Amino acid sequence: MLELLQDWLQRPNFIVFVILFLWGFYIMMVHPNLVKKLIGLYILQTSVIFFLVAFSAKQGATVPVIETDSLPVDALRYANPLPHVLTVTAIVVQVATLGVSLALVSAAYRSFGSLDENELLEEVERAA
């Protein structure tokens, strides 16, 4: 158990990721206000981006461009570009999700006059 704790303390980035992820998830699950739920979703998505950025870094690595004059390729010398591509994709998805969600929340507020999840569910049940 002590070894596990020591391993975790040597990786503060992982601890920050877990805290941000759980904090965002908690906000999404507990708060009935839809805007607060979106803030929780944004924190959760940001934690995933932080995870990709923090764990894709490689000390002393270079770009994965192979020179033609050197035939033997040492894969440990190069940085993997896949996490960086996934990070850019995650940022685009995060912005699109937030934009569409804010538009839906705005439409729900205009239609029902409230952002409380419980009040909206009661209103929808009354209408059905």
N, C-alpha and C. Protein backbone atom coordinates (compact mmCIF):
# COMPACT_ATOMS: atom_id res chain seq x y z
N MET A 1 0.83 -1.20 0.00
CA MET A 1 0.00 0.00 0.00
C MET A 1 0.87 1.26 0.00
N LEU A 2 1.96 1.20 0.75
CA LEU A 2 2.87 2.34 0.82
C LEU A 2 3.53 2.59 -0.54
N GLU A 3 3.84 1.51 -1.26
CA GLU A 3 4.44 1.66 -2.59
C GLU A 3 3.45 2.32 -3.55
N LEU A 4 2.19 1.96 -3.46
CA LEU A 4 1.18 2.57 -4.31
C LEU A 4 1.06 4.06 -4.03
N LEU A 5 1.08 4.44 -2.78
CA LEU A 5 1.02 5.85 -2.41
C LEU A 5 2.23 6.61 -2.91
N GLN A 6 3.41 6.01 -2.81
CA GLN A 6 4.62 6.65 -3.30
C GLN A 6 4.58 6.83 -4.83
N ASP A 7 4.05 5.81 -5.52
CA ASP A 7 3.92 5.93 -6.99
C ASP A 7 2.98 7.07 -7.36
N TRP A 8 1.88 7.21 -6.63
CA TRP A 8 0.92 8.28 -6.93
C TRP A 8 1.51 9.64 -6.64
N LEU A 9 2.29 9.77 -5.57
CA LEU A 9 2.88 11.06 -5.23
C LEU A 9 3.96 11.47 -6.23
N GLN A 10 4.53 10.51 -6.93
CA GLN A 10 5.52 10.84 -7.95
C GLN A 10 4.87 11.29 -9.25
N ARG A 11 3.54 11.14 -9.35
CA ARG A 11 2.80 11.55 -10.55
C ARG A 11 1.72 12.57 -10.18
N PRO A 12 2.12 13.79 -9.88
CA PRO A 12 1.10 14.79 -9.50
C PRO A 12 0.14 15.13 -10.63
N ASN A 13 0.57 14.96 -11.89
CA ASN A 13 -0.34 15.22 -13.01
C ASN A 13 -1.53 14.27 -12.98
N PHE A 14 -1.28 13.02 -12.65
CA PHE A 14 -2.36 12.05 -12.58
C PHE A 14 -3.33 12.39 -11.45
N ILE A 15 -2.81 12.84 -10.33
CA ILE A 15 -3.66 13.23 -9.20
C ILE A 15 -4.53 14.42 -9.59
N VAL A 16 -3.96 15.40 -10.28
CA VAL A 16 -4.74 16.56 -10.73
C VAL A 16 -5.81 16.13 -11.72
N PHE A 17 -5.47 15.23 -12.62
CA PHE A 17 -6.46 14.73 -13.58
C PHE A 17 -7.63 14.07 -12.86
N VAL A 18 -7.34 13.20 -11.90
CA VAL A 18 -8.40 12.50 -11.18
C VAL A 18 -9.27 13.48 -10.41
N ILE A 19 -8.65 14.46 -9.76
CA ILE A 19 -9.42 15.45 -8.99
C ILE A 19 -10.33 16.26 -9.92
N LEU A 20 -9.80 16.75 -11.03
CA LEU A 20 -10.61 17.52 -11.97
C LEU A 20 -11.74 16.68 -12.57
N PHE A 21 -11.42 15.45 -12.93
CA PHE A 21 -12.43 14.57 -13.52
C PHE A 21 -13.56 14.31 -12.54
N LEU A 22 -13.21 13.95 -11.31
CA LEU A 22 -14.24 13.66 -10.31
C LEU A 22 -15.01 14.91 -9.92
N TRP A 23 -14.35 16.05 -9.88
CA TRP A 23 -15.02 17.30 -9.55
C TRP A 23 -16.06 17.65 -10.63
N GLY A 24 -15.66 17.54 -11.90
CA GLY A 24 -16.59 17.80 -12.99
C GLY A 24 -17.76 16.82 -13.00
N PHE A 25 -17.47 15.55 -12.75
CA PHE A 25 -18.53 14.54 -12.70
C PHE A 25 -19.49 14.81 -11.54
N TYR A 26 -18.95 15.20 -10.40
CA TYR A 26 -19.77 15.51 -9.22
C TYR A 26 -20.70 16.70 -9.52
N ILE A 27 -20.16 17.74 -10.13
CA ILE A 27 -20.98 18.91 -10.45
C ILE A 27 -22.10 18.53 -11.42
N MET A 28 -21.78 17.69 -12.39
CA MET A 28 -22.81 17.27 -13.35
C MET A 28 -23.92 16.46 -12.70
N MET A 29 -23.58 15.64 -11.74
CA MET A 29 -24.57 14.76 -11.13
C MET A 29 -25.39 15.42 -10.03
N VAL A 30 -24.81 16.36 -9.29
CA VAL A 30 -25.46 16.88 -8.09
C VAL A 30 -26.31 18.11 -8.37
N HIS A 31 -25.83 19.04 -9.16
CA HIS A 31 -26.52 20.31 -9.33
C HIS A 31 -27.71 20.17 -10.29
N PRO A 32 -28.87 20.69 -9.91
CA PRO A 32 -30.03 20.61 -10.81
C PRO A 32 -30.04 21.71 -11.87
N ASN A 33 -29.23 22.75 -11.71
CA ASN A 33 -29.18 23.84 -12.67
C ASN A 33 -28.44 23.38 -13.93
N LEU A 34 -29.04 23.62 -15.09
CA LEU A 34 -28.46 23.13 -16.34
C LEU A 34 -27.15 23.83 -16.69
N VAL A 35 -27.02 25.10 -16.36
CA VAL A 35 -25.76 25.81 -16.66
C VAL A 35 -24.64 25.25 -15.79
N LYS A 36 -24.94 24.95 -14.53
CA LYS A 36 -23.92 24.34 -13.67
C LYS A 36 -23.54 22.95 -14.17
N LYS A 37 -24.50 22.22 -14.72
CA LYS A 37 -24.18 20.93 -15.31
C LYS A 37 -23.23 21.08 -16.50
N LEU A 38 -23.46 22.14 -17.29
CA LEU A 38 -22.56 22.39 -18.42
C LEU A 38 -21.16 22.78 -17.94
N ILE A 39 -21.08 23.52 -16.85
CA ILE A 39 -19.77 23.86 -16.28
C ILE A 39 -19.06 22.59 -15.83
N GLY A 40 -19.80 21.68 -15.20
CA GLY A 40 -19.22 20.40 -14.81
C GLY A 40 -18.75 19.59 -16.00
N LEU A 41 -19.53 19.60 -17.08
CA LEU A 41 -19.14 18.90 -18.30
C LEU A 41 -17.87 19.51 -18.87
N TYR A 42 -17.78 20.84 -18.85
CA TYR A 42 -16.59 21.52 -19.36
C TYR A 42 -15.35 21.16 -18.54
N ILE A 43 -15.49 21.12 -17.22
CA ILE A 43 -14.36 20.73 -16.36
C ILE A 43 -13.95 19.30 -16.63
N LEU A 44 -14.93 18.40 -16.80
CA LEU A 44 -14.63 17.01 -17.08
C LEU A 44 -13.89 16.86 -18.41
N GLN A 45 -14.36 17.55 -19.44
CA GLN A 45 -13.69 17.48 -20.74
C GLN A 45 -12.30 18.10 -20.68
N THR A 46 -12.15 19.16 -19.93
CA THR A 46 -10.83 19.79 -19.78
C THR A 46 -9.86 18.86 -19.07
N SER A 47 -10.36 18.08 -18.12
CA SER A 47 -9.48 17.14 -17.42
C SER A 47 -8.98 16.06 -18.38
N VAL A 48 -9.81 15.64 -19.31
CA VAL A 48 -9.38 14.64 -20.30
C VAL A 48 -8.31 15.23 -21.21
N ILE A 49 -8.49 16.47 -21.62
CA ILE A 49 -7.47 17.14 -22.44
C ILE A 49 -6.17 17.28 -21.66
N PHE A 50 -6.28 17.66 -20.39
CA PHE A 50 -5.09 17.76 -19.55
C PHE A 50 -4.38 16.41 -19.44
N PHE A 51 -5.16 15.34 -19.33
CA PHE A 51 -4.58 14.00 -19.27
C PHE A 51 -3.80 13.69 -20.54
N LEU A 52 -4.39 13.98 -21.69
CA LEU A 52 -3.71 13.70 -22.95
C LEU A 52 -2.43 14.52 -23.09
N VAL A 53 -2.48 15.78 -22.70
CA VAL A 53 -1.30 16.64 -22.82
C VAL A 53 -0.21 16.23 -21.83
N ALA A 54 -0.61 15.96 -20.59
CA ALA A 54 0.37 15.66 -19.55
C ALA A 54 1.10 14.34 -19.79
N PHE A 55 0.40 13.36 -20.32
CA PHE A 55 1.02 12.06 -20.47
C PHE A 55 1.55 11.78 -21.87
N SER A 56 1.44 12.76 -22.76
CA SER A 56 2.04 12.58 -24.07
C SER A 56 3.42 13.21 -24.15
N ALA A 57 3.77 13.97 -23.13
CA ALA A 57 5.09 14.62 -23.13
C ALA A 57 6.18 13.56 -22.91
N LYS A 58 7.26 13.72 -23.63
CA LYS A 58 8.38 12.78 -23.55
C LYS A 58 9.66 13.58 -23.47
N GLN A 59 10.42 13.36 -22.46
CA GLN A 59 11.65 14.12 -22.21
C GLN A 59 12.69 13.82 -23.28
N GLY A 60 13.18 14.87 -23.92
CA GLY A 60 14.26 14.72 -24.89
C GLY A 60 13.83 14.17 -26.24
N ALA A 61 12.53 14.12 -26.50
CA ALA A 61 12.06 13.56 -27.78
C ALA A 61 12.08 14.64 -28.86
N THR A 62 12.08 14.19 -30.08
CA THR A 62 12.07 15.09 -31.23
C THR A 62 10.89 14.75 -32.13
N VAL A 63 10.68 15.55 -33.14
CA VAL A 63 9.56 15.31 -34.05
C VAL A 63 9.77 14.01 -34.82
N PRO A 64 8.69 13.32 -35.15
CA PRO A 64 8.84 12.01 -35.82
C PRO A 64 9.08 12.14 -37.32
N VAL A 65 10.16 12.80 -37.68
CA VAL A 65 10.55 12.91 -39.09
C VAL A 65 11.85 12.15 -39.24
N ILE A 66 11.85 11.16 -40.10
CA ILE A 66 13.02 10.30 -40.27
C ILE A 66 13.90 10.88 -41.36
N GLU A 67 15.17 11.09 -41.02
CA GLU A 67 16.11 11.59 -42.01
C GLU A 67 16.48 10.44 -42.96
N THR A 68 16.74 10.79 -44.20
CA THR A 68 17.06 9.75 -45.18
C THR A 68 18.48 9.24 -45.06
N ASP A 69 19.37 10.06 -44.47
CA ASP A 69 20.77 9.62 -44.40
C ASP A 69 21.01 8.64 -43.25
N SER A 70 20.14 8.57 -42.27
CA SER A 70 20.35 7.64 -41.16
C SER A 70 19.36 6.48 -41.31
N LEU A 71 19.86 5.31 -41.61
CA LEU A 71 19.01 4.15 -41.83
C LEU A 71 18.44 3.55 -40.54
N PRO A 72 19.22 3.32 -39.50
CA PRO A 72 18.62 2.75 -38.29
C PRO A 72 17.72 3.78 -37.60
N VAL A 73 16.51 3.37 -37.28
CA VAL A 73 15.54 4.26 -36.64
C VAL A 73 15.37 3.84 -35.20
N ASP A 74 15.60 4.78 -34.30
CA ASP A 74 15.41 4.53 -32.88
C ASP A 74 14.06 5.13 -32.48
N ALA A 75 13.07 4.28 -32.27
CA ALA A 75 11.71 4.74 -31.98
C ALA A 75 11.62 5.49 -30.65
N LEU A 76 12.51 5.22 -29.74
CA LEU A 76 12.48 5.90 -28.44
C LEU A 76 12.88 7.37 -28.55
N ARG A 77 13.49 7.74 -29.66
CA ARG A 77 13.93 9.11 -29.86
C ARG A 77 12.81 10.05 -30.28
N TYR A 78 11.74 9.51 -30.81
CA TYR A 78 10.69 10.32 -31.39
C TYR A 78 9.47 10.41 -30.47
N ALA A 79 8.78 11.53 -30.57
CA ALA A 79 7.53 11.73 -29.84
C ALA A 79 6.38 11.18 -30.68
N ASN A 80 5.43 10.56 -30.02
CA ASN A 80 4.27 10.00 -30.70
C ASN A 80 3.29 11.14 -31.01
N PRO A 81 2.92 11.35 -32.27
CA PRO A 81 2.02 12.46 -32.60
C PRO A 81 0.55 12.16 -32.32
N LEU A 82 0.19 10.92 -32.08
CA LEU A 82 -1.21 10.55 -31.90
C LEU A 82 -1.88 11.27 -30.71
N PRO A 83 -1.26 11.35 -29.53
CA PRO A 83 -1.92 12.08 -28.43
C PRO A 83 -2.17 13.55 -28.75
N HIS A 84 -1.29 14.16 -29.52
CA HIS A 84 -1.47 15.56 -29.88
C HIS A 84 -2.65 15.72 -30.85
N VAL A 85 -2.79 14.80 -31.77
CA VAL A 85 -3.91 14.83 -32.70
C VAL A 85 -5.22 14.61 -31.93
N LEU A 86 -5.21 13.67 -31.00
CA LEU A 86 -6.39 13.43 -30.18
C LEU A 86 -6.74 14.64 -29.32
N THR A 87 -5.74 15.36 -28.87
CA THR A 87 -5.98 16.57 -28.07
C THR A 87 -6.67 17.64 -28.91
N VAL A 88 -6.21 17.85 -30.12
CA VAL A 88 -6.85 18.84 -30.99
C VAL A 88 -8.29 18.42 -31.28
N THR A 89 -8.50 17.14 -31.54
CA THR A 89 -9.85 16.64 -31.78
C THR A 89 -10.73 16.82 -30.56
N ALA A 90 -10.19 16.56 -29.37
CA ALA A 90 -10.96 16.71 -28.13
C ALA A 90 -11.34 18.16 -27.89
N ILE A 91 -10.45 19.09 -28.23
CA ILE A 91 -10.77 20.51 -28.07
C ILE A 91 -11.90 20.91 -29.01
N VAL A 92 -11.87 20.44 -30.25
CA VAL A 92 -12.93 20.76 -31.20
C VAL A 92 -14.26 20.18 -30.73
N VAL A 93 -14.25 18.95 -30.26
CA VAL A 93 -15.47 18.33 -29.74
C VAL A 93 -15.97 19.07 -28.52
N GLN A 94 -15.07 19.51 -27.65
CA GLN A 94 -15.45 20.24 -26.44
C GLN A 94 -16.15 21.55 -26.80
N VAL A 95 -15.61 22.29 -27.73
CA VAL A 95 -16.21 23.57 -28.13
C VAL A 95 -17.56 23.35 -28.79
N ALA A 96 -17.65 22.35 -29.66
CA ALA A 96 -18.92 22.07 -30.34
C ALA A 96 -19.98 21.60 -29.35
N THR A 97 -19.61 20.74 -28.43
CA THR A 97 -20.55 20.25 -27.42
C THR A 97 -21.05 21.39 -26.55
N LEU A 98 -20.15 22.25 -26.13
CA LEU A 98 -20.54 23.37 -25.28
C LEU A 98 -21.46 24.33 -26.03
N GLY A 99 -21.15 24.62 -27.29
CA GLY A 99 -21.98 25.53 -28.07
C GLY A 99 -23.39 25.01 -28.28
N VAL A 100 -23.51 23.75 -28.67
CA VAL A 100 -24.83 23.16 -28.89
C VAL A 100 -25.59 23.06 -27.57
N SER A 101 -24.91 22.69 -26.51
CA SER A 101 -25.56 22.57 -25.20
C SER A 101 -26.07 23.92 -24.71
N LEU A 102 -25.28 24.98 -24.88
CA LEU A 102 -25.74 26.30 -24.48
C LEU A 102 -26.94 26.76 -25.30
N ALA A 103 -26.96 26.41 -26.57
CA ALA A 103 -28.12 26.74 -27.41
C ALA A 103 -29.37 26.00 -26.92
N LEU A 104 -29.22 24.74 -26.57
CA LEU A 104 -30.36 23.97 -26.06
C LEU A 104 -30.84 24.49 -24.71
N VAL A 105 -29.91 24.86 -23.84
CA VAL A 105 -30.29 25.41 -22.54
C VAL A 105 -31.01 26.74 -22.72
N SER A 106 -30.53 27.56 -23.64
CA SER A 106 -31.17 28.84 -23.92
C SER A 106 -32.59 28.63 -24.44
N ALA A 107 -32.77 27.66 -25.33
CA ALA A 107 -34.10 27.36 -25.86
C ALA A 107 -35.02 26.83 -24.76
N ALA A 108 -34.50 26.01 -23.87
CA ALA A 108 -35.30 25.49 -22.77
C ALA A 108 -35.70 26.61 -21.82
N TYR A 109 -34.82 27.55 -21.59
CA TYR A 109 -35.15 28.68 -20.71
C TYR A 109 -36.22 29.57 -21.34
N ARG A 110 -36.10 29.81 -22.64
CA ARG A 110 -37.13 30.61 -23.32
C ARG A 110 -38.49 29.92 -23.32
N SER A 111 -38.49 28.59 -23.43
CA SER A 111 -39.76 27.86 -23.49
C SER A 111 -40.40 27.67 -22.13
N PHE A 112 -39.58 27.38 -21.12
CA PHE A 112 -40.13 27.01 -19.81
C PHE A 112 -39.88 28.04 -18.72
N GLY A 113 -38.97 28.98 -18.94
CA GLY A 113 -38.71 30.02 -17.95
C GLY A 113 -37.91 29.57 -16.75
N SER A 114 -37.24 28.44 -16.85
CA SER A 114 -36.45 27.93 -15.73
C SER A 114 -35.28 27.12 -16.26
N LEU A 115 -34.22 27.06 -15.45
CA LEU A 115 -33.07 26.22 -15.77
C LEU A 115 -32.92 25.07 -14.79
N ASP A 116 -33.85 24.93 -13.87
CA ASP A 116 -33.81 23.85 -12.89
C ASP A 116 -34.31 22.56 -13.54
N GLU A 117 -33.51 21.52 -13.42
CA GLU A 117 -33.83 20.25 -14.06
C GLU A 117 -35.14 19.66 -13.54
N ASN A 118 -35.37 19.74 -12.25
CA ASN A 118 -36.58 19.17 -11.66
C ASN A 118 -37.83 19.91 -12.14
N GLU A 119 -37.75 21.24 -12.20
CA GLU A 119 -38.89 22.01 -12.69
C GLU A 119 -39.17 21.72 -14.16
N LEU A 120 -38.14 21.57 -14.95
CA LEU A 120 -38.32 21.26 -16.36
C LEU A 120 -38.97 19.88 -16.55
N LEU A 121 -38.53 18.90 -15.75
CA LEU A 121 -39.13 17.57 -15.85
C LEU A 121 -40.60 17.59 -15.44
N GLU A 122 -40.93 18.35 -14.39
CA GLU A 122 -42.33 18.47 -13.98
C GLU A 122 -43.16 19.14 -15.07
N GLU A 123 -42.62 20.16 -15.69
CA GLU A 123 -43.32 20.87 -16.76
C GLU A 123 -43.56 19.98 -17.97
N VAL A 124 -42.58 19.17 -18.31
CA VAL A 124 -42.71 18.26 -19.44
C VAL A 124 -43.73 17.17 -19.12
N GLU A 125 -43.75 16.67 -17.89
CA GLU A 125 -44.72 15.65 -17.50
C GLU A 125 -46.14 16.22 -17.52
N ARG A 126 -46.30 17.47 -17.09
CA ARG A 126 -47.62 18.10 -17.13
C ARG A 126 -48.11 18.28 -18.57
N ALA A 127 -47.17 18.59 -19.47
CA ALA A 127 -47.55 18.81 -20.86
C ALA A 127 -47.90 17.51 -21.57
N ALA A 128 -47.34 16.39 -21.10
CA ALA A 128 -47.61 15.11 -21.76
C ALA A 128 -48.86 14.47 -21.31
